[in-house]
Amino acid sequence: MRSFAVVLVLLAACTPRAAPLKGVLAPDRALPSISMANGHRHIIFTWDYQEGDIAARGDGSIRTAAPDSARLDFFLGGGLGAGGAVLIGDSLRTPHANLARRYIPPAPLMWAALGRLAIPPLADTVVRVDGELTRADIGRPLQWRVAIKGDTLVELDHVSDGKITESLTRGMNGTLTFQAPGARRTLRLTLIREEPGSFDASIWSL
């Protein structure tokens, strides 16, 4: 029991606190509505996963249908395995639910990777302007922190007890980085190409 408590303390120490929100207070500014592009898209990417001393990599694809449906397929390098998940609204379905909860980020962060802001409606939103960025703290106590540049979502943080437990950052070079600092977990997707998709309803079944 004492060893388990020590592990919990160490994990908590690795989780960064949410610093005060940057920028100038903008009480009259509302967050823009950010949604996926219309129609169907097919996105090809490579991925790298790190959790402590465990590392894996491979490639994958995402097929999306506006406004709120996506299918993700991951393939382990060397043909050693594969997995998939279907995201519709705030529901994530996969044949391996336990593994999905560990390796696949929660729905709001997955939507953020696809350019969609899909946070459950919450009161008490504080908006600030930081140069080209619109930043916001959402919820009281704070639950989500978002950064938007123009009409592009560039960062989304999940906050619990004042600490950033999970985050997504969209890099300028087509890289998406998911992090769970307390678990020393990082998933990085590098986008290879994106093209119009053509697929039928069968893809939503796993």
N, C-alpha and C. Protein backbone atom coordinates (compact mmCIF):
# COMPACT_ATOMS: atom_id res chain seq x y z
N MET A 1 0.84 -1.21 0.00
CA MET A 1 0.00 0.00 0.00
C MET A 1 0.87 1.25 0.00
N ARG A 2 1.97 1.22 0.80
CA ARG A 2 2.84 2.39 0.86
C ARG A 2 3.49 2.64 -0.51
N SER A 3 3.90 1.57 -1.20
CA SER A 3 4.51 1.72 -2.53
C SER A 3 3.53 2.33 -3.51
N PHE A 4 2.26 1.89 -3.44
CA PHE A 4 1.23 2.44 -4.34
C PHE A 4 1.03 3.92 -4.08
N ALA A 5 1.04 4.32 -2.80
CA ALA A 5 0.89 5.74 -2.46
C ALA A 5 2.06 6.56 -3.01
N VAL A 6 3.27 5.99 -2.94
CA VAL A 6 4.44 6.69 -3.48
C VAL A 6 4.30 6.89 -4.97
N VAL A 7 3.81 5.87 -5.69
CA VAL A 7 3.61 5.99 -7.13
C VAL A 7 2.61 7.10 -7.44
N LEU A 8 1.52 7.17 -6.69
CA LEU A 8 0.52 8.22 -6.91
C LEU A 8 1.12 9.60 -6.70
N VAL A 9 1.94 9.76 -5.68
CA VAL A 9 2.58 11.04 -5.42
C VAL A 9 3.50 11.43 -6.57
N LEU A 10 4.27 10.46 -7.09
CA LEU A 10 5.20 10.74 -8.18
C LEU A 10 4.45 11.13 -9.45
N LEU A 11 3.34 10.43 -9.74
CA LEU A 11 2.55 10.76 -10.91
C LEU A 11 1.94 12.15 -10.79
N ALA A 12 1.44 12.47 -9.61
CA ALA A 12 0.86 13.80 -9.40
C ALA A 12 1.91 14.88 -9.59
N ALA A 13 3.14 14.59 -9.17
CA ALA A 13 4.21 15.58 -9.31
C ALA A 13 4.56 15.84 -10.77
N CYS A 14 4.31 14.86 -11.65
CA CYS A 14 4.63 15.00 -13.06
C CYS A 14 3.56 15.77 -13.82
N THR A 15 2.41 16.01 -13.21
CA THR A 15 1.30 16.67 -13.89
C THR A 15 1.41 18.17 -13.69
N PRO A 16 1.59 18.94 -14.77
CA PRO A 16 1.81 20.39 -14.61
C PRO A 16 0.55 21.12 -14.19
N ARG A 17 0.72 22.15 -13.40
CA ARG A 17 -0.41 23.00 -13.03
C ARG A 17 -0.75 23.92 -14.19
N ALA A 18 -2.01 24.28 -14.29
CA ALA A 18 -2.45 25.21 -15.32
C ALA A 18 -2.07 26.62 -14.88
N ALA A 19 -1.13 27.23 -15.59
CA ALA A 19 -0.68 28.58 -15.26
C ALA A 19 -1.82 29.57 -15.56
N PRO A 20 -1.75 30.78 -15.01
CA PRO A 20 -2.78 31.79 -15.34
C PRO A 20 -2.89 31.98 -16.84
N LEU A 21 -4.11 32.16 -17.32
CA LEU A 21 -4.38 32.31 -18.74
C LEU A 21 -3.71 33.57 -19.28
N LYS A 22 -2.99 33.44 -20.40
CA LYS A 22 -2.28 34.57 -20.99
C LYS A 22 -3.24 35.47 -21.76
N GLY A 23 -2.83 36.72 -21.95
CA GLY A 23 -3.58 37.63 -22.81
C GLY A 23 -4.37 38.68 -22.06
N VAL A 24 -5.02 39.53 -22.85
CA VAL A 24 -5.84 40.63 -22.33
C VAL A 24 -7.29 40.19 -22.26
N LEU A 25 -7.92 40.43 -21.13
CA LEU A 25 -9.31 40.02 -20.93
C LEU A 25 -10.21 40.62 -22.00
N ALA A 26 -11.06 39.77 -22.61
CA ALA A 26 -11.97 40.21 -23.68
C ALA A 26 -13.37 39.71 -23.36
N PRO A 27 -14.07 40.36 -22.41
CA PRO A 27 -15.37 39.85 -21.96
C PRO A 27 -16.45 39.86 -23.03
N ASP A 28 -16.30 40.68 -24.08
CA ASP A 28 -17.33 40.75 -25.12
C ASP A 28 -17.06 39.81 -26.29
N ARG A 29 -15.95 39.07 -26.24
CA ARG A 29 -15.61 38.19 -27.35
C ARG A 29 -16.08 36.77 -27.05
N ALA A 30 -16.77 36.16 -28.01
CA ALA A 30 -17.23 34.78 -27.87
C ALA A 30 -16.28 33.86 -28.64
N LEU A 31 -16.19 32.61 -28.20
CA LEU A 31 -15.39 31.64 -28.94
C LEU A 31 -16.06 31.36 -30.28
N PRO A 32 -15.28 31.28 -31.36
CA PRO A 32 -15.88 30.97 -32.66
C PRO A 32 -16.36 29.53 -32.70
N SER A 33 -17.35 29.28 -33.54
CA SER A 33 -17.81 27.91 -33.77
C SER A 33 -16.86 27.25 -34.76
N ILE A 34 -16.21 26.18 -34.34
CA ILE A 34 -15.20 25.52 -35.17
C ILE A 34 -15.66 24.09 -35.46
N SER A 35 -15.90 23.80 -36.72
CA SER A 35 -16.40 22.49 -37.10
C SER A 35 -15.54 21.88 -38.20
N MET A 36 -15.79 20.62 -38.51
CA MET A 36 -15.06 19.96 -39.59
C MET A 36 -15.50 20.49 -40.94
N ALA A 37 -14.63 20.31 -41.92
CA ALA A 37 -14.99 20.69 -43.29
C ALA A 37 -16.15 19.83 -43.77
N ASN A 38 -16.99 20.40 -44.65
CA ASN A 38 -18.13 19.66 -45.17
C ASN A 38 -17.70 18.45 -45.99
N GLY A 39 -18.60 17.48 -46.08
CA GLY A 39 -18.35 16.31 -46.91
C GLY A 39 -17.52 15.25 -46.22
N HIS A 40 -16.91 14.37 -47.03
CA HIS A 40 -16.09 13.27 -46.54
C HIS A 40 -14.62 13.58 -46.79
N ARG A 41 -13.77 13.20 -45.82
CA ARG A 41 -12.33 13.36 -45.99
C ARG A 41 -11.63 12.05 -45.62
N HIS A 42 -10.48 11.84 -46.25
CA HIS A 42 -9.63 10.68 -45.94
C HIS A 42 -8.24 11.22 -45.60
N ILE A 43 -7.79 10.95 -44.37
CA ILE A 43 -6.53 11.49 -43.87
C ILE A 43 -5.57 10.33 -43.60
N ILE A 44 -4.35 10.41 -44.14
CA ILE A 44 -3.32 9.39 -43.94
C ILE A 44 -2.24 9.98 -43.03
N PHE A 45 -1.77 9.18 -42.07
CA PHE A 45 -0.78 9.68 -41.12
C PHE A 45 0.15 8.56 -40.68
N THR A 46 1.28 8.95 -40.10
CA THR A 46 2.12 8.04 -39.34
C THR A 46 1.99 8.39 -37.87
N TRP A 47 2.29 7.45 -36.99
CA TRP A 47 2.15 7.71 -35.56
C TRP A 47 3.33 7.13 -34.77
N ASP A 48 3.61 7.79 -33.66
CA ASP A 48 4.60 7.33 -32.69
C ASP A 48 3.98 7.40 -31.31
N TYR A 49 4.16 6.34 -30.54
CA TYR A 49 3.57 6.28 -29.20
C TYR A 49 4.67 6.02 -28.19
N GLN A 50 4.62 6.76 -27.07
CA GLN A 50 5.59 6.58 -26.00
C GLN A 50 4.86 6.59 -24.67
N GLU A 51 5.13 5.59 -23.86
CA GLU A 51 4.58 5.54 -22.49
C GLU A 51 5.66 5.02 -21.57
N GLY A 52 6.31 5.92 -20.85
CA GLY A 52 7.45 5.50 -20.05
C GLY A 52 8.52 4.92 -20.94
N ASP A 53 8.88 3.66 -20.71
CA ASP A 53 9.91 3.00 -21.51
C ASP A 53 9.33 2.22 -22.69
N ILE A 54 8.02 2.27 -22.88
CA ILE A 54 7.37 1.55 -23.97
C ILE A 54 7.24 2.47 -25.18
N ALA A 55 7.60 1.96 -26.35
CA ALA A 55 7.50 2.76 -27.57
C ALA A 55 6.95 1.90 -28.70
N ALA A 56 6.16 2.52 -29.57
CA ALA A 56 5.62 1.82 -30.74
C ALA A 56 5.39 2.85 -31.83
N ARG A 57 5.32 2.38 -33.08
CA ARG A 57 5.05 3.30 -34.19
C ARG A 57 4.37 2.52 -35.32
N GLY A 58 3.81 3.28 -36.23
CA GLY A 58 3.15 2.65 -37.37
C GLY A 58 2.51 3.71 -38.24
N ASP A 59 1.46 3.32 -38.96
CA ASP A 59 0.73 4.29 -39.77
C ASP A 59 -0.76 4.08 -39.57
N GLY A 60 -1.57 4.93 -40.21
CA GLY A 60 -3.00 4.82 -40.01
C GLY A 60 -3.77 5.76 -40.91
N SER A 61 -5.08 5.73 -40.73
CA SER A 61 -5.93 6.61 -41.53
C SER A 61 -7.15 7.02 -40.71
N ILE A 62 -7.70 8.16 -41.08
CA ILE A 62 -8.94 8.66 -40.49
C ILE A 62 -9.88 9.00 -41.62
N ARG A 63 -11.10 8.48 -41.55
CA ARG A 63 -12.13 8.84 -42.53
C ARG A 63 -13.22 9.60 -41.78
N THR A 64 -13.53 10.79 -42.28
CA THR A 64 -14.48 11.64 -41.58
C THR A 64 -15.69 11.96 -42.45
N ALA A 65 -16.82 12.15 -41.79
CA ALA A 65 -18.05 12.60 -42.45
C ALA A 65 -18.64 13.70 -41.58
N ALA A 66 -18.70 14.91 -42.14
CA ALA A 66 -19.26 16.02 -41.39
C ALA A 66 -20.74 15.76 -41.09
N PRO A 67 -21.25 16.22 -39.94
CA PRO A 67 -20.56 17.12 -39.02
C PRO A 67 -19.83 16.45 -37.86
N ASP A 68 -20.10 15.14 -37.58
CA ASP A 68 -19.60 14.60 -36.32
C ASP A 68 -19.33 13.10 -36.35
N SER A 69 -18.79 12.58 -37.46
CA SER A 69 -18.50 11.15 -37.54
C SER A 69 -17.08 10.94 -38.06
N ALA A 70 -16.36 9.99 -37.45
CA ALA A 70 -15.01 9.69 -37.88
C ALA A 70 -14.68 8.23 -37.56
N ARG A 71 -13.91 7.60 -38.45
CA ARG A 71 -13.38 6.26 -38.19
C ARG A 71 -11.87 6.33 -38.23
N LEU A 72 -11.23 5.75 -37.20
CA LEU A 72 -9.79 5.73 -37.09
C LEU A 72 -9.29 4.30 -37.22
N ASP A 73 -8.25 4.11 -38.01
CA ASP A 73 -7.60 2.81 -38.14
C ASP A 73 -6.10 2.98 -37.92
N PHE A 74 -5.56 2.17 -36.99
CA PHE A 74 -4.15 2.21 -36.66
C PHE A 74 -3.50 0.88 -37.03
N PHE A 75 -2.31 0.93 -37.62
CA PHE A 75 -1.57 -0.26 -38.01
C PHE A 75 -0.19 -0.20 -37.39
N LEU A 76 0.17 -1.26 -36.66
CA LEU A 76 1.47 -1.33 -36.00
C LEU A 76 2.54 -1.62 -37.03
N GLY A 77 3.69 -0.97 -36.89
CA GLY A 77 4.78 -1.16 -37.82
C GLY A 77 5.19 -2.62 -37.92
N GLY A 78 5.54 -3.06 -39.13
CA GLY A 78 5.93 -4.44 -39.35
C GLY A 78 4.78 -5.40 -39.50
N GLY A 79 3.56 -4.86 -39.58
CA GLY A 79 2.38 -5.72 -39.75
C GLY A 79 2.08 -6.57 -38.53
N LEU A 80 2.46 -6.10 -37.34
CA LEU A 80 2.31 -6.89 -36.12
C LEU A 80 0.96 -6.75 -35.46
N GLY A 81 0.12 -5.85 -35.96
CA GLY A 81 -1.19 -5.69 -35.35
C GLY A 81 -1.92 -4.50 -35.93
N ALA A 82 -3.18 -4.40 -35.57
CA ALA A 82 -4.00 -3.29 -36.06
C ALA A 82 -5.14 -3.06 -35.08
N GLY A 83 -5.72 -1.87 -35.14
CA GLY A 83 -6.86 -1.54 -34.29
C GLY A 83 -7.69 -0.46 -34.94
N GLY A 84 -8.90 -0.31 -34.45
CA GLY A 84 -9.78 0.70 -35.02
C GLY A 84 -10.75 1.23 -34.00
N ALA A 85 -11.34 2.37 -34.31
CA ALA A 85 -12.33 2.98 -33.43
C ALA A 85 -13.24 3.86 -34.27
N VAL A 86 -14.50 3.97 -33.84
CA VAL A 86 -15.47 4.83 -34.50
C VAL A 86 -15.91 5.90 -33.51
N LEU A 87 -15.84 7.14 -33.94
CA LEU A 87 -16.20 8.27 -33.11
C LEU A 87 -17.40 8.96 -33.74
N ILE A 88 -18.54 8.95 -33.06
CA ILE A 88 -19.75 9.61 -33.53
C ILE A 88 -20.27 10.48 -32.39
N GLY A 89 -20.27 11.79 -32.63
CA GLY A 89 -20.63 12.71 -31.55
C GLY A 89 -19.65 12.57 -30.41
N ASP A 90 -20.14 12.35 -29.19
CA ASP A 90 -19.25 12.16 -28.05
C ASP A 90 -19.10 10.70 -27.67
N SER A 91 -19.50 9.78 -28.59
CA SER A 91 -19.42 8.35 -28.34
C SER A 91 -18.25 7.73 -29.10
N LEU A 92 -17.40 7.00 -28.39
CA LEU A 92 -16.26 6.32 -28.99
C LEU A 92 -16.48 4.82 -28.87
N ARG A 93 -16.51 4.12 -30.02
CA ARG A 93 -16.74 2.67 -30.04
C ARG A 93 -15.52 1.96 -30.60
N THR A 94 -15.17 0.83 -29.98
CA THR A 94 -14.05 0.03 -30.43
C THR A 94 -14.24 -1.40 -29.93
N PRO A 95 -13.72 -2.40 -30.65
CA PRO A 95 -13.84 -3.78 -30.16
C PRO A 95 -13.05 -4.02 -28.88
N HIS A 96 -12.08 -3.18 -28.59
CA HIS A 96 -11.22 -3.37 -27.42
C HIS A 96 -11.32 -2.14 -26.52
N ALA A 97 -12.41 -2.06 -25.78
CA ALA A 97 -12.71 -0.85 -25.01
C ALA A 97 -11.64 -0.52 -23.98
N ASN A 98 -11.10 -1.54 -23.29
CA ASN A 98 -10.10 -1.27 -22.26
C ASN A 98 -8.83 -0.69 -22.87
N LEU A 99 -8.40 -1.25 -23.99
CA LEU A 99 -7.22 -0.72 -24.67
C LEU A 99 -7.48 0.68 -25.20
N ALA A 100 -8.69 0.90 -25.70
CA ALA A 100 -9.03 2.22 -26.25
C ALA A 100 -8.93 3.29 -25.18
N ARG A 101 -9.43 2.99 -23.98
CA ARG A 101 -9.38 3.99 -22.91
C ARG A 101 -7.94 4.34 -22.55
N ARG A 102 -7.03 3.38 -22.75
CA ARG A 102 -5.64 3.62 -22.40
C ARG A 102 -4.88 4.35 -23.51
N TYR A 103 -5.11 3.94 -24.75
CA TYR A 103 -4.28 4.43 -25.85
C TYR A 103 -4.92 5.52 -26.70
N ILE A 104 -6.24 5.60 -26.76
CA ILE A 104 -6.90 6.58 -27.60
C ILE A 104 -7.38 7.74 -26.74
N PRO A 105 -7.01 8.97 -27.09
CA PRO A 105 -7.46 10.14 -26.31
C PRO A 105 -8.98 10.24 -26.27
N PRO A 106 -9.53 10.91 -25.26
CA PRO A 106 -10.99 11.05 -25.16
C PRO A 106 -11.55 11.87 -26.31
N ALA A 107 -12.87 11.76 -26.51
CA ALA A 107 -13.53 12.32 -27.69
C ALA A 107 -13.23 13.80 -27.93
N PRO A 108 -13.31 14.70 -26.93
CA PRO A 108 -13.04 16.12 -27.24
C PRO A 108 -11.64 16.35 -27.82
N LEU A 109 -10.65 15.60 -27.32
CA LEU A 109 -9.29 15.76 -27.84
C LEU A 109 -9.16 15.17 -29.24
N MET A 110 -9.85 14.05 -29.50
CA MET A 110 -9.83 13.49 -30.85
C MET A 110 -10.48 14.45 -31.84
N TRP A 111 -11.58 15.06 -31.44
CA TRP A 111 -12.23 16.03 -32.33
C TRP A 111 -11.33 17.24 -32.55
N ALA A 112 -10.62 17.65 -31.52
CA ALA A 112 -9.70 18.77 -31.69
C ALA A 112 -8.62 18.45 -32.72
N ALA A 113 -8.18 17.19 -32.76
CA ALA A 113 -7.19 16.78 -33.76
C ALA A 113 -7.74 16.92 -35.17
N LEU A 114 -9.05 16.79 -35.31
CA LEU A 114 -9.70 16.90 -36.62
C LEU A 114 -10.21 18.32 -36.88
N GLY A 115 -9.84 19.25 -36.01
CA GLY A 115 -10.19 20.64 -36.24
C GLY A 115 -11.55 21.05 -35.73
N ARG A 116 -12.17 20.22 -34.90
CA ARG A 116 -13.52 20.50 -34.41
C ARG A 116 -13.48 20.76 -32.91
N LEU A 117 -14.07 21.86 -32.47
CA LEU A 117 -14.18 22.15 -31.04
C LEU A 117 -15.48 21.52 -30.54
N ALA A 118 -15.34 20.48 -29.72
CA ALA A 118 -16.51 19.69 -29.30
C ALA A 118 -16.49 19.50 -27.79
N ILE A 119 -16.46 20.60 -27.07
CA ILE A 119 -16.50 20.56 -25.62
C ILE A 119 -17.94 20.64 -25.16
N PRO A 120 -18.34 19.80 -24.19
CA PRO A 120 -19.71 19.91 -23.67
C PRO A 120 -20.00 21.32 -23.20
N PRO A 121 -21.22 21.82 -23.42
CA PRO A 121 -21.55 23.21 -23.03
C PRO A 121 -21.32 23.44 -21.55
N LEU A 122 -20.56 24.48 -21.23
CA LEU A 122 -20.26 24.82 -19.85
C LEU A 122 -20.37 26.33 -19.66
N ALA A 123 -20.87 26.73 -18.50
CA ALA A 123 -20.92 28.16 -18.19
C ALA A 123 -19.55 28.63 -17.73
N ASP A 124 -19.45 29.89 -17.43
CA ASP A 124 -18.22 30.46 -16.85
C ASP A 124 -17.03 30.32 -17.78
N THR A 125 -17.15 30.86 -19.00
CA THR A 125 -16.05 30.89 -19.94
C THR A 125 -15.36 32.25 -19.88
N VAL A 126 -14.04 32.23 -19.68
CA VAL A 126 -13.24 33.46 -19.64
C VAL A 126 -12.39 33.51 -20.90
N VAL A 127 -12.54 34.58 -21.69
CA VAL A 127 -11.84 34.71 -22.96
C VAL A 127 -10.79 35.81 -22.86
N ARG A 128 -9.60 35.54 -23.40
CA ARG A 128 -8.54 36.53 -23.46
C ARG A 128 -7.92 36.54 -24.86
N VAL A 129 -7.39 37.69 -25.25
CA VAL A 129 -6.71 37.83 -26.54
C VAL A 129 -5.22 37.94 -26.28
N ASP A 130 -4.45 37.06 -26.94
CA ASP A 130 -3.00 37.00 -26.76
C ASP A 130 -2.36 37.09 -28.15
N GLY A 131 -2.17 38.32 -28.65
CA GLY A 131 -1.65 38.49 -30.00
C GLY A 131 -2.63 37.94 -31.02
N GLU A 132 -2.19 36.95 -31.84
CA GLU A 132 -3.06 36.35 -32.85
C GLU A 132 -3.95 35.26 -32.27
N LEU A 133 -3.75 34.93 -31.00
CA LEU A 133 -4.49 33.83 -30.40
C LEU A 133 -5.66 34.33 -29.56
N THR A 134 -6.76 33.59 -29.64
CA THR A 134 -7.87 33.74 -28.70
C THR A 134 -7.77 32.58 -27.73
N ARG A 135 -7.64 32.87 -26.46
CA ARG A 135 -7.52 31.83 -25.44
C ARG A 135 -8.75 31.87 -24.54
N ALA A 136 -9.10 30.72 -24.00
CA ALA A 136 -10.26 30.68 -23.11
C ALA A 136 -10.10 29.59 -22.06
N ASP A 137 -10.55 29.92 -20.85
CA ASP A 137 -10.73 28.94 -19.78
C ASP A 137 -12.22 28.66 -19.69
N ILE A 138 -12.57 27.37 -19.66
CA ILE A 138 -13.98 26.97 -19.71
C ILE A 138 -14.32 26.13 -18.49
N GLY A 139 -15.36 26.57 -17.78
CA GLY A 139 -15.83 25.84 -16.60
C GLY A 139 -15.33 26.46 -15.31
N ARG A 140 -16.09 26.26 -14.25
CA ARG A 140 -15.70 26.68 -12.91
C ARG A 140 -16.12 25.60 -11.94
N PRO A 141 -15.20 24.83 -11.38
CA PRO A 141 -13.76 24.96 -11.57
C PRO A 141 -13.34 24.67 -13.01
N LEU A 142 -12.15 25.15 -13.37
CA LEU A 142 -11.64 25.03 -14.72
C LEU A 142 -11.61 23.58 -15.18
N GLN A 143 -12.18 23.32 -16.38
CA GLN A 143 -12.19 21.98 -16.94
C GLN A 143 -11.46 21.90 -18.28
N TRP A 144 -11.57 22.96 -19.08
CA TRP A 144 -10.95 22.95 -20.40
C TRP A 144 -10.26 24.28 -20.66
N ARG A 145 -9.16 24.23 -21.37
CA ARG A 145 -8.44 25.43 -21.80
C ARG A 145 -8.19 25.28 -23.30
N VAL A 146 -8.52 26.34 -24.06
CA VAL A 146 -8.46 26.27 -25.51
C VAL A 146 -7.69 27.46 -26.06
N ALA A 147 -6.96 27.24 -27.17
CA ALA A 147 -6.28 28.32 -27.89
C ALA A 147 -6.67 28.20 -29.36
N ILE A 148 -7.09 29.33 -29.95
CA ILE A 148 -7.58 29.36 -31.33
C ILE A 148 -6.84 30.47 -32.07
N LYS A 149 -6.39 30.16 -33.28
CA LYS A 149 -5.75 31.16 -34.13
C LYS A 149 -6.62 31.34 -35.37
N GLY A 150 -7.24 32.51 -35.49
CA GLY A 150 -8.18 32.72 -36.58
C GLY A 150 -9.37 31.79 -36.41
N ASP A 151 -9.56 30.87 -37.36
CA ASP A 151 -10.62 29.87 -37.24
C ASP A 151 -10.04 28.48 -37.08
N THR A 152 -8.80 28.40 -36.57
CA THR A 152 -8.12 27.11 -36.40
C THR A 152 -7.86 26.83 -34.93
N LEU A 153 -8.28 25.68 -34.47
CA LEU A 153 -8.02 25.24 -33.10
C LEU A 153 -6.58 24.74 -33.02
N VAL A 154 -5.75 25.36 -32.18
CA VAL A 154 -4.34 24.99 -32.13
C VAL A 154 -3.97 24.24 -30.84
N GLU A 155 -4.76 24.39 -29.78
CA GLU A 155 -4.44 23.67 -28.54
C GLU A 155 -5.69 23.48 -27.70
N LEU A 156 -5.79 22.30 -27.09
CA LEU A 156 -6.88 22.02 -26.16
C LEU A 156 -6.31 21.25 -24.99
N ASP A 157 -6.54 21.75 -23.77
CA ASP A 157 -6.07 21.10 -22.55
C ASP A 157 -7.26 20.68 -21.70
N HIS A 158 -7.17 19.49 -21.13
CA HIS A 158 -8.15 19.01 -20.16
C HIS A 158 -7.56 19.25 -18.78
N VAL A 159 -8.31 19.95 -17.92
CA VAL A 159 -7.79 20.36 -16.62
C VAL A 159 -8.64 19.73 -15.52
N SER A 160 -7.97 19.20 -14.51
CA SER A 160 -8.65 18.64 -13.34
C SER A 160 -7.89 19.04 -12.09
N ASP A 161 -8.61 19.57 -11.10
CA ASP A 161 -7.98 20.02 -9.85
C ASP A 161 -6.83 20.99 -10.12
N GLY A 162 -7.02 21.84 -11.13
CA GLY A 162 -6.02 22.86 -11.42
C GLY A 162 -4.79 22.36 -12.17
N LYS A 163 -4.81 21.10 -12.60
CA LYS A 163 -3.65 20.53 -13.30
C LYS A 163 -4.05 20.07 -14.70
N ILE A 164 -3.13 20.20 -15.64
CA ILE A 164 -3.36 19.77 -17.02
C ILE A 164 -3.13 18.26 -17.09
N THR A 165 -4.21 17.51 -17.23
CA THR A 165 -4.10 16.05 -17.24
C THR A 165 -3.89 15.48 -18.64
N GLU A 166 -4.44 16.15 -19.66
CA GLU A 166 -4.30 15.71 -21.05
C GLU A 166 -4.30 16.94 -21.94
N SER A 167 -3.61 16.84 -23.07
CA SER A 167 -3.58 17.98 -23.97
C SER A 167 -3.40 17.53 -25.41
N LEU A 168 -3.86 18.38 -26.33
CA LEU A 168 -3.60 18.20 -27.76
C LEU A 168 -3.03 19.51 -28.29
N THR A 169 -1.95 19.39 -29.05
CA THR A 169 -1.34 20.55 -29.70
C THR A 169 -1.23 20.28 -31.19
N ARG A 170 -1.69 21.24 -32.00
CA ARG A 170 -1.60 21.13 -33.45
C ARG A 170 -0.40 21.95 -33.91
N GLY A 171 0.64 21.26 -34.42
CA GLY A 171 1.84 21.93 -34.88
C GLY A 171 1.68 22.50 -36.28
N MET A 172 2.51 23.49 -36.60
CA MET A 172 2.45 24.13 -37.91
C MET A 172 2.91 23.19 -39.02
N ASN A 173 3.66 22.14 -38.67
CA ASN A 173 4.21 21.23 -39.66
C ASN A 173 3.34 20.00 -39.90
N GLY A 174 2.08 20.06 -39.51
CA GLY A 174 1.18 18.92 -39.72
C GLY A 174 1.32 17.83 -38.68
N THR A 175 1.85 18.17 -37.52
CA THR A 175 2.01 17.21 -36.43
C THR A 175 0.98 17.47 -35.34
N LEU A 176 0.33 16.41 -34.88
CA LEU A 176 -0.63 16.48 -33.78
C LEU A 176 -0.03 15.73 -32.60
N THR A 177 0.05 16.37 -31.44
CA THR A 177 0.67 15.75 -30.28
C THR A 177 -0.32 15.67 -29.13
N PHE A 178 -0.60 14.43 -28.69
CA PHE A 178 -1.42 14.19 -27.51
C PHE A 178 -0.47 13.87 -26.36
N GLN A 179 -0.74 14.44 -25.19
CA GLN A 179 0.08 14.15 -24.02
C GLN A 179 -0.79 13.94 -22.79
N ALA A 180 -0.38 12.96 -21.97
CA ALA A 180 -0.95 12.76 -20.64
C ALA A 180 0.24 12.76 -19.70
N PRO A 181 0.64 13.94 -19.19
CA PRO A 181 1.90 14.05 -18.45
C PRO A 181 2.00 13.13 -17.24
N GLY A 182 0.90 13.00 -16.49
CA GLY A 182 0.97 12.17 -15.30
C GLY A 182 1.26 10.72 -15.59
N ALA A 183 0.84 10.24 -16.77
CA ALA A 183 1.08 8.86 -17.17
C ALA A 183 2.32 8.73 -18.06
N ARG A 184 3.01 9.83 -18.27
CA ARG A 184 4.19 9.88 -19.17
C ARG A 184 3.83 9.28 -20.53
N ARG A 185 2.67 9.69 -21.05
CA ARG A 185 2.14 9.11 -22.28
C ARG A 185 2.08 10.18 -23.37
N THR A 186 2.64 9.87 -24.55
CA THR A 186 2.61 10.79 -25.69
C THR A 186 2.27 10.03 -26.95
N LEU A 187 1.31 10.54 -27.71
CA LEU A 187 0.96 10.00 -29.01
C LEU A 187 1.10 11.13 -30.02
N ARG A 188 1.96 10.91 -31.02
CA ARG A 188 2.21 11.95 -32.02
C ARG A 188 1.80 11.43 -33.40
N LEU A 189 0.91 12.17 -34.06
CA LEU A 189 0.49 11.86 -35.42
C LEU A 189 1.11 12.86 -36.37
N THR A 190 1.70 12.36 -37.45
CA THR A 190 2.25 13.23 -38.49
C THR A 190 1.43 13.04 -39.75
N LEU A 191 0.72 14.07 -40.16
CA LEU A 191 -0.18 13.97 -41.30
C LEU A 191 0.62 13.90 -42.60
N ILE A 192 0.30 12.90 -43.43
CA ILE A 192 0.99 12.70 -44.71
C ILE A 192 0.22 13.34 -45.85
N ARG A 193 -1.05 13.08 -45.90
CA ARG A 193 -1.87 13.70 -46.94
C ARG A 193 -3.34 13.65 -46.53
N GLU A 194 -4.11 14.52 -47.15
CA GLU A 194 -5.55 14.59 -46.92
C GLU A 194 -6.23 14.77 -48.27
N GLU A 195 -7.30 14.00 -48.49
CA GLU A 195 -7.98 14.04 -49.79
C GLU A 195 -9.47 13.82 -49.59
N PRO A 196 -10.28 14.24 -50.56
CA PRO A 196 -11.71 13.95 -50.46
C PRO A 196 -11.93 12.44 -50.37
N GLY A 197 -12.88 12.01 -49.54
CA GLY A 197 -13.15 10.59 -49.37
C GLY A 197 -14.40 10.17 -50.08
N SER A 198 -14.51 8.87 -50.28
CA SER A 198 -15.71 8.27 -50.88
C SER A 198 -15.91 6.92 -50.21
N PHE A 199 -16.86 6.85 -49.28
CA PHE A 199 -17.11 5.60 -48.57
C PHE A 199 -18.55 5.55 -48.13
N ASP A 200 -19.00 4.35 -47.81
CA ASP A 200 -20.41 4.17 -47.46
C ASP A 200 -20.58 3.90 -45.97
N ALA A 201 -21.82 3.64 -45.59
CA ALA A 201 -22.16 3.52 -44.16
C ALA A 201 -21.52 2.31 -43.49
N SER A 202 -21.00 1.36 -44.25
CA SER A 202 -20.42 0.16 -43.66
C SER A 202 -19.18 0.46 -42.81
N ILE A 203 -18.53 1.61 -43.05
CA ILE A 203 -17.31 1.89 -42.28
C ILE A 203 -17.61 2.17 -40.82
N TRP A 204 -18.86 2.46 -40.48
CA TRP A 204 -19.18 2.80 -39.10
C TRP A 204 -19.42 1.55 -38.24
N SER A 205 -19.24 0.36 -38.83
CA SER A 205 -19.37 -0.89 -38.09
C SER A 205 -17.99 -1.49 -37.90
N LEU A 206 -17.70 -1.97 -36.68
CA LEU A 206 -16.41 -2.57 -36.39
C LEU A 206 -16.60 -4.06 -36.07
